Amino acid sequence: MAQLFSLGVIRVMKFMDIINIIAIITGPLFAVLITLWWQERKEKRDKKVNLFTMLLAYRKTYPVSPEWARGLNLIDVVFQQHPKVLELWHQYYDMLMVQNPGQGHQESQNHKYLELMSEIAKDLGFAKLQQTDIDKFYMPQVHADDANLNAAVRLEFLRVLQGSARFVVEPKPPEHKKV
């Protein structure tokens, strides 16, 4: 009986040794795989959040900022796993491509953009962010004044350049040095 008991203990010990070896080998492997999975998931989310915040930051700038346009062009890649976002983006894109928009087009275009941004917010887990929040935009008056002044200066330069056949440049008379 004692001999059977000792054989059973030896078998259990060998089995436990095998389990320990398997755990020693697979434990770090699983840890690395879980870490890689988590990093990939975090990177995808970070890309979505960065795109969303950039689209929010430039949403009502005029003229349209290059950053905002680039951001829109990234939606197909960044949100490829979210069909509702892609559907709304394609509808909004079609509205942007209208050459001669009719009356009310700007309003429906703005509404579609709000739907798109709202769906992105929902995908990111920003459930409390409402369309009214997304529609709010702050721009200090000084920025608007500066943009208007820059536009006026560009128009004036363009008017002068288009109205000029050539520019006459005459050399300056040499300056005399005082000693």
N, C-alpha and C. Protein backbone atom coordinates (compact mmCIF):
# COMPACT_ATOMS: atom_id res chain seq x y z
N MET A 1 0.82 -1.20 0.00
CA MET A 1 0.00 0.00 0.00
C MET A 1 0.86 1.25 0.00
N ALA A 2 1.88 1.22 0.84
CA ALA A 2 2.78 2.37 0.92
C ALA A 2 3.50 2.55 -0.40
N GLN A 3 3.80 1.43 -1.04
CA GLN A 3 4.49 1.52 -2.31
C GLN A 3 3.58 2.15 -3.37
N LEU A 4 2.33 1.78 -3.41
CA LEU A 4 1.38 2.39 -4.34
C LEU A 4 1.21 3.88 -4.06
N PHE A 5 1.18 4.21 -2.77
CA PHE A 5 1.05 5.63 -2.40
C PHE A 5 2.27 6.41 -2.88
N SER A 6 3.46 5.87 -2.70
CA SER A 6 4.66 6.59 -3.12
C SER A 6 4.74 6.69 -4.64
N LEU A 7 4.27 5.65 -5.37
CA LEU A 7 4.23 5.74 -6.83
C LEU A 7 3.23 6.82 -7.27
N GLY A 8 2.13 6.94 -6.58
CA GLY A 8 1.14 7.97 -6.88
C GLY A 8 1.69 9.36 -6.63
N VAL A 9 2.43 9.51 -5.54
CA VAL A 9 3.03 10.81 -5.22
C VAL A 9 4.06 11.16 -6.28
N ILE A 10 4.84 10.20 -6.72
CA ILE A 10 5.87 10.45 -7.74
C ILE A 10 5.20 10.85 -9.05
N ARG A 11 4.12 10.18 -9.43
CA ARG A 11 3.41 10.52 -10.66
C ARG A 11 2.82 11.94 -10.57
N VAL A 12 2.26 12.25 -9.42
CA VAL A 12 1.71 13.60 -9.22
C VAL A 12 2.83 14.62 -9.30
N MET A 13 3.97 14.33 -8.71
CA MET A 13 5.10 15.26 -8.74
C MET A 13 5.60 15.44 -10.17
N LYS A 14 5.70 14.36 -10.96
CA LYS A 14 6.12 14.47 -12.35
C LYS A 14 5.10 15.28 -13.15
N PHE A 15 3.83 15.03 -12.90
CA PHE A 15 2.77 15.78 -13.58
C PHE A 15 2.86 17.27 -13.22
N MET A 16 3.11 17.57 -11.95
CA MET A 16 3.25 18.97 -11.51
C MET A 16 4.49 19.61 -12.12
N ASP A 17 5.56 18.85 -12.27
CA ASP A 17 6.76 19.37 -12.91
C ASP A 17 6.48 19.74 -14.37
N ILE A 18 5.74 18.88 -15.03
CA ILE A 18 5.38 19.15 -16.43
C ILE A 18 4.51 20.41 -16.52
N ILE A 19 3.54 20.51 -15.63
CA ILE A 19 2.67 21.70 -15.61
C ILE A 19 3.50 22.95 -15.34
N ASN A 20 4.44 22.88 -14.41
CA ASN A 20 5.31 24.03 -14.12
C ASN A 20 6.15 24.42 -15.32
N ILE A 21 6.68 23.45 -16.03
CA ILE A 21 7.49 23.74 -17.23
C ILE A 21 6.62 24.42 -18.29
N ILE A 22 5.43 23.88 -18.48
CA ILE A 22 4.50 24.49 -19.46
C ILE A 22 4.17 25.92 -19.04
N ALA A 23 3.91 26.12 -17.76
CA ALA A 23 3.59 27.47 -17.27
C ALA A 23 4.76 28.42 -17.44
N ILE A 24 5.98 27.94 -17.18
CA ILE A 24 7.17 28.77 -17.33
C ILE A 24 7.35 29.20 -18.78
N ILE A 25 7.04 28.32 -19.70
CA ILE A 25 7.21 28.62 -21.13
C ILE A 25 6.06 29.49 -21.65
N THR A 26 4.84 29.11 -21.32
CA THR A 26 3.68 29.81 -21.92
C THR A 26 3.31 31.09 -21.21
N GLY A 27 3.62 31.22 -19.92
CA GLY A 27 3.25 32.43 -19.17
C GLY A 27 3.77 33.70 -19.81
N PRO A 28 5.09 33.80 -20.03
CA PRO A 28 5.62 35.01 -20.68
C PRO A 28 5.09 35.20 -22.10
N LEU A 29 4.89 34.09 -22.80
CA LEU A 29 4.35 34.18 -24.16
C LEU A 29 2.96 34.81 -24.15
N PHE A 30 2.09 34.35 -23.26
CA PHE A 30 0.76 34.94 -23.15
C PHE A 30 0.83 36.40 -22.72
N ALA A 31 1.75 36.71 -21.83
CA ALA A 31 1.90 38.09 -21.37
C ALA A 31 2.29 39.00 -22.54
N VAL A 32 3.22 38.54 -23.37
CA VAL A 32 3.65 39.33 -24.53
C VAL A 32 2.49 39.49 -25.52
N LEU A 33 1.77 38.40 -25.78
CA LEU A 33 0.65 38.46 -26.72
C LEU A 33 -0.44 39.41 -26.23
N ILE A 34 -0.74 39.35 -24.95
CA ILE A 34 -1.74 40.25 -24.39
C ILE A 34 -1.27 41.70 -24.48
N THR A 35 0.01 41.95 -24.20
CA THR A 35 0.56 43.30 -24.29
C THR A 35 0.49 43.83 -25.72
N LEU A 36 0.86 43.00 -26.69
CA LEU A 36 0.79 43.42 -28.09
C LEU A 36 -0.64 43.71 -28.52
N TRP A 37 -1.57 42.86 -28.10
CA TRP A 37 -2.98 43.08 -28.41
C TRP A 37 -3.46 44.40 -27.81
N TRP A 38 -3.10 44.65 -26.56
CA TRP A 38 -3.53 45.87 -25.88
C TRP A 38 -2.93 47.11 -26.55
N GLN A 39 -1.65 47.05 -26.93
CA GLN A 39 -1.01 48.19 -27.58
C GLN A 39 -1.67 48.49 -28.93
N GLU A 40 -1.97 47.44 -29.68
CA GLU A 40 -2.62 47.65 -30.98
C GLU A 40 -4.00 48.28 -30.80
N ARG A 41 -4.73 47.79 -29.84
CA ARG A 41 -6.07 48.33 -29.53
C ARG A 41 -5.97 49.79 -29.11
N LYS A 42 -4.99 50.12 -28.26
CA LYS A 42 -4.80 51.49 -27.79
C LYS A 42 -4.39 52.41 -28.94
N GLU A 43 -3.51 51.94 -29.81
CA GLU A 43 -3.09 52.75 -30.95
C GLU A 43 -4.27 53.08 -31.87
N LYS A 44 -5.13 52.09 -32.12
CA LYS A 44 -6.31 52.33 -32.95
C LYS A 44 -7.23 53.37 -32.30
N ARG A 45 -7.45 53.22 -31.01
CA ARG A 45 -8.30 54.18 -30.30
C ARG A 45 -7.67 55.57 -30.31
N ASP A 46 -6.36 55.64 -30.07
CA ASP A 46 -5.68 56.95 -30.08
C ASP A 46 -5.81 57.63 -31.43
N LYS A 47 -5.70 56.86 -32.52
CA LYS A 47 -5.87 57.43 -33.86
C LYS A 47 -7.28 57.98 -34.03
N LYS A 48 -8.26 57.24 -33.56
CA LYS A 48 -9.65 57.70 -33.66
C LYS A 48 -9.87 58.98 -32.85
N VAL A 49 -9.37 58.99 -31.62
CA VAL A 49 -9.55 60.15 -30.75
C VAL A 49 -8.82 61.36 -31.34
N ASN A 50 -7.60 61.17 -31.83
CA ASN A 50 -6.85 62.28 -32.43
C ASN A 50 -7.57 62.85 -33.64
N LEU A 51 -8.10 61.97 -34.48
CA LEU A 51 -8.84 62.43 -35.66
C LEU A 51 -10.10 63.18 -35.24
N PHE A 52 -10.82 62.63 -34.29
CA PHE A 52 -12.06 63.26 -33.82
C PHE A 52 -11.78 64.64 -33.24
N THR A 53 -10.77 64.76 -32.38
CA THR A 53 -10.48 66.06 -31.75
C THR A 53 -9.99 67.06 -32.79
N MET A 54 -9.24 66.61 -33.79
CA MET A 54 -8.78 67.52 -34.83
C MET A 54 -9.96 68.00 -35.69
N LEU A 55 -10.88 67.09 -36.00
CA LEU A 55 -12.06 67.50 -36.77
C LEU A 55 -12.92 68.48 -35.98
N LEU A 56 -12.99 68.28 -34.67
CA LEU A 56 -13.72 69.23 -33.82
C LEU A 56 -13.03 70.58 -33.77
N ALA A 57 -11.71 70.57 -33.65
CA ALA A 57 -10.95 71.81 -33.51
C ALA A 57 -11.09 72.71 -34.74
N TYR A 58 -11.16 72.13 -35.92
CA TYR A 58 -11.18 72.92 -37.16
C TYR A 58 -12.54 72.93 -37.84
N ARG A 59 -13.60 72.52 -37.15
CA ARG A 59 -14.88 72.27 -37.80
C ARG A 59 -15.53 73.47 -38.47
N LYS A 60 -15.33 74.66 -37.97
CA LYS A 60 -16.01 75.82 -38.57
C LYS A 60 -15.03 76.91 -38.99
N THR A 61 -13.80 76.53 -39.27
CA THR A 61 -12.85 77.53 -39.72
C THR A 61 -13.16 77.90 -41.17
N TYR A 62 -12.93 79.16 -41.49
CA TYR A 62 -13.13 79.61 -42.85
C TYR A 62 -11.96 80.48 -43.25
N PRO A 63 -11.31 80.18 -44.35
CA PRO A 63 -11.60 79.06 -45.24
C PRO A 63 -11.27 77.73 -44.56
N VAL A 64 -11.74 76.67 -45.16
CA VAL A 64 -11.53 75.33 -44.61
C VAL A 64 -10.03 75.10 -44.45
N SER A 65 -9.63 74.63 -43.28
CA SER A 65 -8.20 74.40 -43.03
C SER A 65 -7.74 73.12 -43.72
N PRO A 66 -6.49 73.09 -44.15
CA PRO A 66 -5.95 71.87 -44.75
C PRO A 66 -5.98 70.69 -43.76
N GLU A 67 -5.78 70.97 -42.47
CA GLU A 67 -5.81 69.90 -41.47
C GLU A 67 -7.18 69.23 -41.42
N TRP A 68 -8.22 70.04 -41.48
CA TRP A 68 -9.59 69.51 -41.44
C TRP A 68 -9.85 68.64 -42.67
N ALA A 69 -9.44 69.13 -43.84
CA ALA A 69 -9.64 68.37 -45.08
C ALA A 69 -8.86 67.05 -45.03
N ARG A 70 -7.61 67.09 -44.53
CA ARG A 70 -6.82 65.87 -44.40
C ARG A 70 -7.51 64.90 -43.44
N GLY A 71 -8.05 65.44 -42.36
CA GLY A 71 -8.74 64.60 -41.38
C GLY A 71 -9.93 63.89 -41.99
N LEU A 72 -10.73 64.61 -42.77
CA LEU A 72 -11.87 63.97 -43.43
C LEU A 72 -11.40 62.83 -44.33
N ASN A 73 -10.29 63.06 -45.02
CA ASN A 73 -9.78 62.04 -45.93
C ASN A 73 -9.24 60.80 -45.22
N LEU A 74 -9.04 60.87 -43.91
CA LEU A 74 -8.56 59.73 -43.15
C LEU A 74 -9.68 58.87 -42.56
N ILE A 75 -10.90 59.37 -42.62
CA ILE A 75 -12.02 58.65 -41.99
C ILE A 75 -12.15 57.23 -42.52
N ASP A 76 -12.01 57.03 -43.83
CA ASP A 76 -12.15 55.69 -44.41
C ASP A 76 -11.17 54.69 -43.82
N VAL A 77 -9.98 55.14 -43.48
CA VAL A 77 -8.96 54.24 -42.94
C VAL A 77 -9.14 54.06 -41.44
N VAL A 78 -9.29 55.15 -40.72
CA VAL A 78 -9.32 55.09 -39.26
C VAL A 78 -10.60 54.42 -38.74
N PHE A 79 -11.72 54.62 -39.43
CA PHE A 79 -13.00 54.05 -38.98
C PHE A 79 -13.49 52.94 -39.90
N GLN A 80 -12.56 52.19 -40.48
CA GLN A 80 -12.94 51.14 -41.43
C GLN A 80 -13.78 50.04 -40.80
N GLN A 81 -13.71 49.87 -39.50
CA GLN A 81 -14.48 48.83 -38.82
C GLN A 81 -15.83 49.35 -38.32
N HIS A 82 -16.17 50.57 -38.65
CA HIS A 82 -17.43 51.15 -38.16
C HIS A 82 -18.28 51.60 -39.35
N PRO A 83 -19.15 50.71 -39.86
CA PRO A 83 -19.90 50.99 -41.09
C PRO A 83 -20.81 52.21 -41.01
N LYS A 84 -21.39 52.51 -39.86
CA LYS A 84 -22.29 53.67 -39.75
C LYS A 84 -21.50 54.97 -39.95
N VAL A 85 -20.29 55.05 -39.38
CA VAL A 85 -19.44 56.23 -39.58
C VAL A 85 -19.10 56.38 -41.06
N LEU A 86 -18.72 55.27 -41.69
CA LEU A 86 -18.37 55.32 -43.12
C LEU A 86 -19.56 55.74 -43.98
N GLU A 87 -20.73 55.23 -43.65
CA GLU A 87 -21.94 55.59 -44.41
C GLU A 87 -22.20 57.10 -44.30
N LEU A 88 -22.14 57.63 -43.09
CA LEU A 88 -22.38 59.07 -42.89
C LEU A 88 -21.29 59.90 -43.56
N TRP A 89 -20.04 59.44 -43.48
CA TRP A 89 -18.93 60.15 -44.13
C TRP A 89 -19.15 60.20 -45.63
N HIS A 90 -19.57 59.10 -46.26
CA HIS A 90 -19.78 59.10 -47.70
C HIS A 90 -20.96 59.99 -48.10
N GLN A 91 -21.98 60.03 -47.28
CA GLN A 91 -23.10 60.94 -47.55
C GLN A 91 -22.63 62.40 -47.45
N TYR A 92 -21.84 62.69 -46.43
CA TYR A 92 -21.33 64.04 -46.25
C TYR A 92 -20.38 64.41 -47.40
N TYR A 93 -19.54 63.48 -47.80
CA TYR A 93 -18.63 63.70 -48.92
C TYR A 93 -19.41 64.07 -50.18
N ASP A 94 -20.47 63.31 -50.46
CA ASP A 94 -21.30 63.61 -51.63
C ASP A 94 -21.86 65.03 -51.55
N MET A 95 -22.23 65.46 -50.36
CA MET A 95 -22.75 66.82 -50.20
C MET A 95 -21.65 67.86 -50.42
N LEU A 96 -20.43 67.55 -50.03
CA LEU A 96 -19.32 68.47 -50.23
C LEU A 96 -18.98 68.62 -51.71
N MET A 97 -19.25 67.61 -52.50
CA MET A 97 -18.87 67.61 -53.91
C MET A 97 -19.88 68.32 -54.81
N VAL A 98 -20.99 68.77 -54.27
CA VAL A 98 -21.99 69.48 -55.07
C VAL A 98 -21.40 70.81 -55.53
N GLN A 99 -21.36 71.02 -56.85
CA GLN A 99 -20.72 72.21 -57.41
C GLN A 99 -21.55 73.49 -57.24
N ASN A 100 -22.83 73.39 -57.52
CA ASN A 100 -23.71 74.56 -57.41
C ASN A 100 -24.82 74.25 -56.41
N PRO A 101 -24.51 74.39 -55.13
CA PRO A 101 -25.51 74.02 -54.12
C PRO A 101 -26.72 74.95 -54.16
N GLY A 102 -27.88 74.34 -53.95
CA GLY A 102 -29.11 75.12 -53.91
C GLY A 102 -29.37 75.68 -52.53
N GLN A 103 -30.48 76.32 -52.40
CA GLN A 103 -30.87 76.92 -51.13
C GLN A 103 -31.08 75.82 -50.09
N GLY A 104 -30.58 76.02 -48.91
CA GLY A 104 -30.72 75.06 -47.84
C GLY A 104 -29.66 73.97 -47.84
N HIS A 105 -28.80 73.98 -48.85
CA HIS A 105 -27.76 72.96 -48.94
C HIS A 105 -26.76 73.07 -47.78
N GLN A 106 -26.38 74.28 -47.45
CA GLN A 106 -25.41 74.49 -46.37
C GLN A 106 -25.97 73.97 -45.04
N GLU A 107 -27.25 74.21 -44.82
CA GLU A 107 -27.87 73.74 -43.57
C GLU A 107 -27.93 72.22 -43.51
N SER A 108 -28.31 71.56 -44.60
CA SER A 108 -28.37 70.10 -44.59
C SER A 108 -26.96 69.51 -44.55
N GLN A 109 -26.00 70.20 -45.13
CA GLN A 109 -24.60 69.77 -45.07
C GLN A 109 -24.10 69.84 -43.62
N ASN A 110 -24.42 70.91 -42.93
CA ASN A 110 -24.04 71.07 -41.53
C ASN A 110 -24.71 69.99 -40.67
N HIS A 111 -25.96 69.71 -40.95
CA HIS A 111 -26.68 68.68 -40.20
C HIS A 111 -26.03 67.31 -40.40
N LYS A 112 -25.64 67.00 -41.63
CA LYS A 112 -25.00 65.71 -41.92
C LYS A 112 -23.65 65.62 -41.21
N TYR A 113 -22.91 66.73 -41.17
CA TYR A 113 -21.62 66.74 -40.46
C TYR A 113 -21.83 66.49 -38.97
N LEU A 114 -22.87 67.08 -38.41
CA LEU A 114 -23.16 66.85 -36.99
C LEU A 114 -23.53 65.39 -36.74
N GLU A 115 -24.28 64.78 -37.65
CA GLU A 115 -24.60 63.36 -37.52
C GLU A 115 -23.33 62.51 -37.55
N LEU A 116 -22.43 62.84 -38.48
CA LEU A 116 -21.18 62.12 -38.60
C LEU A 116 -20.35 62.23 -37.32
N MET A 117 -20.19 63.45 -36.83
CA MET A 117 -19.38 63.66 -35.63
C MET A 117 -20.03 63.01 -34.41
N SER A 118 -21.34 63.02 -34.37
CA SER A 118 -22.07 62.39 -33.27
C SER A 118 -21.86 60.88 -33.28
N GLU A 119 -21.86 60.29 -34.46
CA GLU A 119 -21.64 58.84 -34.58
C GLU A 119 -20.20 58.48 -34.19
N ILE A 120 -19.25 59.32 -34.58
CA ILE A 120 -17.86 59.09 -34.18
C ILE A 120 -17.74 59.17 -32.66
N ALA A 121 -18.38 60.18 -32.07
CA ALA A 121 -18.35 60.34 -30.61
C ALA A 121 -18.94 59.10 -29.93
N LYS A 122 -20.02 58.59 -30.49
CA LYS A 122 -20.65 57.39 -29.92
C LYS A 122 -19.71 56.19 -30.01
N ASP A 123 -19.02 56.05 -31.14
CA ASP A 123 -18.06 54.96 -31.32
C ASP A 123 -16.92 55.05 -30.30
N LEU A 124 -16.54 56.26 -29.95
CA LEU A 124 -15.43 56.46 -29.01
C LEU A 124 -15.87 56.39 -27.55
N GLY A 125 -17.17 56.31 -27.33
CA GLY A 125 -17.65 56.21 -25.96
C GLY A 125 -17.96 57.54 -25.31
N PHE A 126 -18.03 58.60 -26.10
CA PHE A 126 -18.38 59.92 -25.57
C PHE A 126 -19.90 60.08 -25.62
N ALA A 127 -20.59 59.28 -24.85
CA ALA A 127 -22.05 59.20 -24.91
C ALA A 127 -22.72 60.50 -24.50
N LYS A 128 -22.10 61.27 -23.63
CA LYS A 128 -22.73 62.50 -23.14
C LYS A 128 -22.51 63.69 -24.08
N LEU A 129 -21.70 63.53 -25.10
CA LEU A 129 -21.45 64.61 -26.05
C LEU A 129 -22.62 64.69 -27.03
N GLN A 130 -23.37 65.77 -26.96
CA GLN A 130 -24.56 65.96 -27.79
C GLN A 130 -24.21 66.72 -29.07
N GLN A 131 -25.11 66.65 -30.06
CA GLN A 131 -24.90 67.39 -31.30
C GLN A 131 -24.84 68.89 -31.04
N THR A 132 -25.58 69.37 -30.06
CA THR A 132 -25.52 70.81 -29.74
C THR A 132 -24.13 71.18 -29.23
N ASP A 133 -23.49 70.28 -28.50
CA ASP A 133 -22.12 70.54 -28.04
C ASP A 133 -21.15 70.55 -29.21
N ILE A 134 -21.33 69.63 -30.13
CA ILE A 134 -20.46 69.54 -31.30
C ILE A 134 -20.63 70.78 -32.18
N ASP A 135 -21.85 71.31 -32.23
CA ASP A 135 -22.13 72.46 -33.08
C ASP A 135 -21.55 73.76 -32.53
N LYS A 136 -21.30 73.81 -31.23
CA LYS A 136 -20.72 75.02 -30.64
C LYS A 136 -19.30 75.22 -31.14
N PHE A 137 -18.95 76.47 -31.38
CA PHE A 137 -17.59 76.77 -31.86
C PHE A 137 -17.23 78.17 -31.38
N TYR A 138 -16.06 78.29 -30.80
CA TYR A 138 -15.62 79.59 -30.31
C TYR A 138 -14.46 80.09 -31.16
N MET A 139 -14.59 81.32 -31.61
CA MET A 139 -13.49 81.99 -32.30
C MET A 139 -13.49 83.44 -31.82
N PRO A 140 -12.41 83.87 -31.20
CA PRO A 140 -12.35 85.26 -30.74
C PRO A 140 -12.52 86.23 -31.91
N GLN A 141 -13.14 87.35 -31.65
CA GLN A 141 -13.39 88.34 -32.69
C GLN A 141 -12.10 88.81 -33.36
N VAL A 142 -11.03 88.87 -32.58
CA VAL A 142 -9.76 89.32 -33.14
C VAL A 142 -9.29 88.37 -34.25
N HIS A 143 -9.57 87.06 -34.10
CA HIS A 143 -9.19 86.11 -35.15
C HIS A 143 -10.04 86.32 -36.40
N ALA A 144 -11.32 86.56 -36.21
CA ALA A 144 -12.20 86.83 -37.35
C ALA A 144 -11.79 88.13 -38.04
N ASP A 145 -11.48 89.17 -37.26
CA ASP A 145 -11.04 90.44 -37.84
C ASP A 145 -9.75 90.26 -38.63
N ASP A 146 -8.81 89.50 -38.07
CA ASP A 146 -7.54 89.24 -38.74
C ASP A 146 -7.76 88.49 -40.05
N ALA A 147 -8.63 87.50 -40.04
CA ALA A 147 -8.93 86.73 -41.25
C ALA A 147 -9.57 87.63 -42.31
N ASN A 148 -10.49 88.50 -41.89
CA ASN A 148 -11.12 89.43 -42.84
C ASN A 148 -10.11 90.41 -43.42
N LEU A 149 -9.21 90.92 -42.58
CA LEU A 149 -8.18 91.85 -43.05
C LEU A 149 -7.25 91.15 -44.04
N ASN A 150 -6.83 89.94 -43.72
CA ASN A 150 -5.96 89.18 -44.64
C ASN A 150 -6.66 88.95 -45.98
N ALA A 151 -7.93 88.62 -45.95
CA ALA A 151 -8.68 88.41 -47.19
C ALA A 151 -8.76 89.70 -47.99
N ALA A 152 -9.00 90.83 -47.32
CA ALA A 152 -9.07 92.12 -48.01
C ALA A 152 -7.72 92.48 -48.63
N VAL A 153 -6.65 92.24 -47.91
CA VAL A 153 -5.31 92.54 -48.44
C VAL A 153 -5.01 91.67 -49.65
N ARG A 154 -5.33 90.38 -49.58
CA ARG A 154 -5.11 89.49 -50.73
C ARG A 154 -5.91 89.95 -51.95
N LEU A 155 -7.16 90.34 -51.72
CA LEU A 155 -7.98 90.82 -52.84
C LEU A 155 -7.40 92.09 -53.45
N GLU A 156 -6.92 92.97 -52.61
CA GLU A 156 -6.34 94.22 -53.12
C GLU A 156 -5.05 93.94 -53.90
N PHE A 157 -4.20 93.07 -53.38
CA PHE A 157 -2.99 92.69 -54.12
C PHE A 157 -3.35 92.07 -55.45
N LEU A 158 -4.34 91.22 -55.46
CA LEU A 158 -4.77 90.56 -56.68
C LEU A 158 -5.29 91.59 -57.68
N ARG A 159 -6.08 92.56 -57.19
CA ARG A 159 -6.61 93.61 -58.07
C ARG A 159 -5.47 94.40 -58.69
N VAL A 160 -4.49 94.77 -57.90
CA VAL A 160 -3.35 95.54 -58.40
C VAL A 160 -2.55 94.72 -59.40
N LEU A 161 -2.28 93.47 -59.05
CA LEU A 161 -1.47 92.64 -59.94
C LEU A 161 -2.19 92.35 -61.25
N GLN A 162 -3.48 92.14 -61.20
CA GLN A 162 -4.22 91.87 -62.44
C GLN A 162 -4.37 93.13 -63.29
N GLY A 163 -4.36 94.28 -62.68
CA GLY A 163 -4.49 95.54 -63.42
C GLY A 163 -3.17 96.10 -63.91
N SER A 164 -2.08 95.45 -63.60
CA SER A 164 -0.77 95.96 -63.99
C SER A 164 -0.19 95.12 -65.11
N ALA A 165 0.21 95.82 -66.17
CA ALA A 165 0.84 95.12 -67.28
C ALA A 165 2.28 94.75 -66.91
N ARG A 166 2.92 95.67 -66.19
CA ARG A 166 4.29 95.43 -65.76
C ARG A 166 4.61 96.36 -64.60
N PHE A 167 5.66 96.04 -63.93
CA PHE A 167 6.13 96.90 -62.85
C PHE A 167 7.38 97.62 -63.33
N VAL A 168 7.39 98.90 -63.12
CA VAL A 168 8.56 99.69 -63.49
C VAL A 168 9.43 99.80 -62.25
N VAL A 169 10.67 99.40 -62.44
CA VAL A 169 11.62 99.47 -61.33
C VAL A 169 12.75 100.38 -61.75
N GLU A 170 12.96 101.43 -61.00
CA GLU A 170 14.04 102.36 -61.28
C GLU A 170 15.07 102.24 -60.18
N PRO A 171 16.33 102.27 -60.57
CA PRO A 171 17.36 102.15 -59.54
C PRO A 171 17.39 103.38 -58.64
N LYS A 172 17.75 103.16 -57.39
CA LYS A 172 17.89 104.26 -56.45
C LYS A 172 19.20 104.99 -56.72
N PRO A 173 19.18 106.27 -56.54
CA PRO A 173 20.46 106.99 -56.71
C PRO A 173 21.40 106.58 -55.56
N PRO A 174 22.68 106.54 -55.85
CA PRO A 174 23.63 106.11 -54.81
C PRO A 174 23.60 107.09 -53.62
N GLU A 175 23.75 106.51 -52.46
CA GLU A 175 23.77 107.33 -51.26
C GLU A 175 25.20 107.79 -50.99
N HIS A 176 25.30 109.04 -50.51
CA HIS A 176 26.62 109.57 -50.17
C HIS A 176 26.88 109.31 -48.70
N LYS A 177 28.08 108.84 -48.44
CA LYS A 177 28.44 108.56 -47.05
C LYS A 177 28.93 109.84 -46.42
N LYS A 178 28.48 110.07 -45.19
CA LYS A 178 28.95 111.22 -44.44
C LYS A 178 30.14 110.78 -43.60
N VAL A 179 31.16 111.59 -43.62
CA VAL A 179 32.34 111.24 -42.85
C VAL A 179 32.42 112.06 -41.60
